[in-house]
Protein backbone atom coordinates (compact mmCIF):
# COMPACT_ATOMS: atom_id res chain seq x y z
CA UNK A 1 -8.80 -10.38 9.39
CA UNK A 2 -7.46 -8.38 7.70
CA UNK A 3 -4.45 -6.49 9.56
CA UNK A 4 -3.35 -2.49 8.98
CA UNK A 5 0.26 -2.45 6.89
CA UNK A 6 1.68 -0.68 10.13
CA UNK A 7 0.94 -3.83 12.51
CA UNK A 8 2.13 -7.00 10.22
CA UNK A 9 3.87 -5.62 7.15
CA UNK A 10 6.65 -3.87 8.20
CA UNK A 11 8.25 -3.39 4.59
CA UNK A 12 7.05 -3.20 0.65
CA UNK A 13 8.66 -4.09 -1.91
CA UNK A 14 7.31 -3.15 -5.63
CA UNK A 15 8.45 -4.58 -8.72
CA UNK A 16 7.27 -4.41 -12.36
CA UNK A 17 8.08 -5.16 -15.37
CA UNK A 18 6.43 -3.99 -19.11
CA UNK A 19 6.71 -6.03 -21.97
CA UNK A 20 6.16 -4.96 -25.65
CA UNK A 21 5.29 -6.19 -28.94
CA UNK A 22 5.94 -5.29 -32.33
CA UNK A 23 7.57 -2.32 -33.74
CA UNK A 24 11.12 -1.53 -32.62
CA UNK A 25 11.58 -1.48 -28.97
CA UNK A 26 13.84 1.02 -26.63
CA UNK A 27 14.09 0.00 -23.49
CA UNK A 28 14.81 2.57 -20.28
CA UNK A 29 14.92 1.42 -16.54
CA UNK A 30 13.84 3.95 -13.80
CA UNK A 31 14.86 3.36 -10.42
CA UNK A 32 13.17 4.92 -7.62
CA UNK A 33 13.70 4.20 -3.90
CA UNK A 34 11.74 6.61 -1.84
CA UNK A 35 11.34 5.28 1.57
CA UNK A 36 7.70 5.87 2.94
CA UNK A 37 8.19 4.38 5.92
CA UNK A 38 10.17 0.81 5.28
CA UNK A 39 8.57 1.16 1.59
CA UNK A 40 10.69 0.86 -1.46
CA UNK A 41 9.51 0.47 -5.06
CA UNK A 42 11.52 -0.16 -8.41
CA UNK A 43 10.15 0.07 -11.58
CA UNK A 44 11.17 -0.70 -15.41
CA UNK A 45 9.78 0.45 -18.48
CA UNK A 46 9.90 -0.64 -22.12
CA UNK A 47 9.25 2.22 -24.11
CA UNK A 48 8.11 1.89 -28.27
CA UNK A 49 8.85 3.87 -31.29
CA UNK A 50 7.60 3.31 -34.29
CA UNK A 51 9.08 3.68 -37.78
CA UNK A 52 7.45 5.46 -40.25
CA UNK A 53 4.27 3.85 -41.05
CA UNK A 54 4.05 1.47 -38.69
CA UNK A 55 1.69 1.69 -35.58
CA UNK A 56 2.43 1.28 -32.02
CA UNK A 57 1.05 -1.65 -30.18
CA UNK A 58 0.04 -1.69 -26.57
CA UNK A 59 2.33 -2.02 -24.06
CA UNK A 60 2.18 -5.12 -22.24
CA UNK A 61 3.06 -4.70 -18.92
CA UNK A 62 2.93 -6.24 -15.12
CA UNK A 63 3.20 -4.99 -11.27
CA UNK A 64 4.08 -6.77 -7.93
CA UNK A 65 3.40 -5.91 -4.62
CA UNK A 66 5.72 -7.71 -1.70
CA UNK A 67 4.38 -6.90 1.74
CA UNK A 68 7.15 -8.54 4.71
CA UNK A 69 5.59 -9.88 7.58
CA UNK A 70 7.78 -9.77 11.12
CA UNK A 71 9.69 -12.79 12.42
CA UNK A 72 7.49 -15.18 14.51
CA UNK A 73 7.67 -18.40 16.47
CA UNK A 74 5.40 -21.03 13.81
CA UNK A 75 4.21 -24.19 15.73
CA UNK A 76 3.47 -25.43 12.35
CA UNK A 77 6.95 -25.22 11.24
CA UNK A 78 8.61 -25.45 14.71
CA UNK A 79 11.16 -22.13 13.69
CA UNK A 80 11.27 -19.04 14.12
CA UNK A 81 10.17 -17.41 10.30
CA UNK A 82 8.94 -14.77 8.48
CA UNK A 83 6.27 -14.61 5.59
CA UNK A 84 6.56 -12.72 1.67
CA UNK A 85 3.61 -11.76 0.74
CA UNK A 86 2.66 -10.96 -2.78
CA UNK A 87 0.08 -9.77 -5.40
CA UNK A 88 0.75 -8.99 -9.20
CA UNK A 89 -1.11 -7.18 -11.69
CA UNK A 90 -1.42 -6.54 -15.21
CA UNK A 91 -2.46 -7.17 -18.60
CA UNK A 92 0.22 -9.95 -19.25
CA UNK A 93 -1.70 -13.12 -17.95
CA UNK A 94 0.91 -14.62 -15.82
CA UNK A 95 4.50 -13.69 -14.84
CA UNK A 96 7.67 -15.55 -12.63
CA UNK A 97 8.24 -14.45 -9.52
CA UNK A 98 11.33 -14.87 -7.81
CA UNK A 99 11.49 -14.20 -3.63
CA UNK A 100 14.91 -14.36 -1.96
CA UNK A 101 13.99 -14.23 1.96
CA UNK A 102 17.25 -14.04 4.85
CA UNK A 103 16.13 -14.78 8.34
CA UNK A 104 18.63 -12.25 10.30
CA UNK A 105 19.36 -12.51 14.12
CA UNK A 106 20.77 -10.08 16.22
CA UNK A 107 23.99 -11.17 17.92
CA UNK A 108 26.46 -7.64 19.90
CA UNK A 109 25.32 -4.95 17.91
CA UNK A 110 25.64 -6.72 14.47
CA UNK A 111 23.09 -9.02 12.42
CA UNK A 112 23.78 -12.49 11.32
CA UNK A 113 21.78 -14.51 8.80
CA UNK A 114 20.33 -17.84 10.35
CA UNK A 115 18.40 -18.94 7.39
CA UNK A 116 17.26 -18.35 3.28
CA UNK A 117 15.17 -18.89 1.09
CA UNK A 118 15.25 -18.77 -2.71
CA UNK A 119 11.63 -19.25 -4.88
CA UNK A 120 10.14 -18.77 -7.74
CA UNK A 121 6.75 -18.86 -8.28
CA UNK A 122 4.16 -18.10 -11.25
CA UNK A 123 1.88 -15.99 -9.93
CA UNK A 124 -1.18 -14.88 -12.61
CA UNK A 125 -1.44 -10.81 -12.49
CA UNK A 126 -5.28 -10.99 -11.08
CA UNK A 127 -4.44 -9.50 -7.44
CA UNK A 128 -4.10 -12.78 -5.92
CA UNK A 129 -1.71 -13.30 -3.01
CA UNK A 130 0.84 -15.68 -2.58
CA UNK A 131 2.75 -16.26 0.50
CA UNK A 132 6.81 -17.30 0.64
CA UNK A 133 8.35 -18.34 3.81
CA UNK A 134 11.49 -17.62 5.01
CA UNK A 135 13.18 -20.64 5.79
CA UNK A 136 11.59 -22.94 3.71
CA UNK A 137 9.15 -25.71 4.93
CA UNK A 138 11.87 -28.07 4.42
CA UNK A 139 14.77 -25.45 5.33
CA UNK A 140 16.80 -24.55 8.47
CA UNK A 141 15.17 -24.86 11.27
CA UNK A 142 15.21 -21.61 13.92
CA UNK A 143 14.92 -22.38 17.59
CA UNK A 144 16.83 -19.97 19.68
CA UNK A 145 15.55 -17.00 22.00
CA UNK A 146 16.13 -13.64 19.92
CA UNK A 147 16.07 -10.18 18.37
CA UNK A 148 14.92 -11.27 14.59
CA UNK A 149 14.41 -9.37 11.42
CA UNK A 150 13.79 -10.16 8.05
CA UNK A 151 15.09 -8.59 4.49
CA UNK A 152 13.89 -9.52 0.98
CA UNK A 153 14.51 -8.77 -2.77
CA UNK A 154 11.84 -9.83 -5.21
CA UNK A 155 12.06 -9.73 -8.69
CA UNK A 156 9.71 -10.55 -11.93
CA UNK A 157 11.41 -12.40 -13.68
CA UNK A 158 9.87 -13.70 -16.68
CA UNK A 159 8.53 -12.95 -19.78
CA UNK A 160 10.40 -10.26 -18.97
CA UNK A 161 13.27 -9.50 -16.25
CA UNK A 162 11.87 -6.38 -13.80
CA UNK A 163 14.09 -4.69 -11.58
CA UNK A 164 15.20 -5.54 -7.89
CA UNK A 165 13.19 -4.73 -4.97
CA UNK A 166 13.80 -4.79 -1.39
CA UNK A 167 12.23 -4.77 1.79
CA UNK A 168 12.92 -5.70 5.16
CA UNK A 169 10.79 -5.98 8.09
CA UNK A 170 11.12 -4.23 11.42
CA UNK A 171 13.60 -6.18 13.76
CA UNK A 172 11.28 -7.83 16.89
CA UNK A 173 12.06 -10.48 19.74
CA UNK A 174 10.74 -13.33 19.28
CA UNK A 175 10.71 -16.02 22.14
CA UNK A 176 10.67 -19.54 21.20
CA UNK A 177 9.21 -22.87 23.10
CA UNK A 178 12.04 -24.24 25.32
CA UNK A 179 14.69 -22.29 24.96
């Protein structure tokens, strides 16, 4: 069952990377931080310049989209967690995607980080979805009732570095068993 973005994924981070082959390459990075809801886009572009008599070869590129789910109680993990779902497209067969996640709990009028994750996965660029967990299954268990939100940074790290995208979930009240 597919749930709509407004209910399940409060934030989306878009990260792109481009790779040119052959010829002289000139890099130009453009960053757009448009906010349509809680959506953030970040893009890297590489342009080719042909020397006289050389042909420009086709650009190679990859683009990854990360959707942040709201924090919730996970019986399996025995912890408050949030998930980040990442899919990639492009004409580079596979890319390395790093997701850094932080789970924050509201304490008074400020947010305190209570768990973190830092994970890199090799993603094929066919649109398939991978899930990153914060905290990681072997990480800190968060077992107290409270108001939580998740934040992420996402970056393609290989074969070429993409720009960094950021997103966050909505803040939600999570009730835990036994608290």
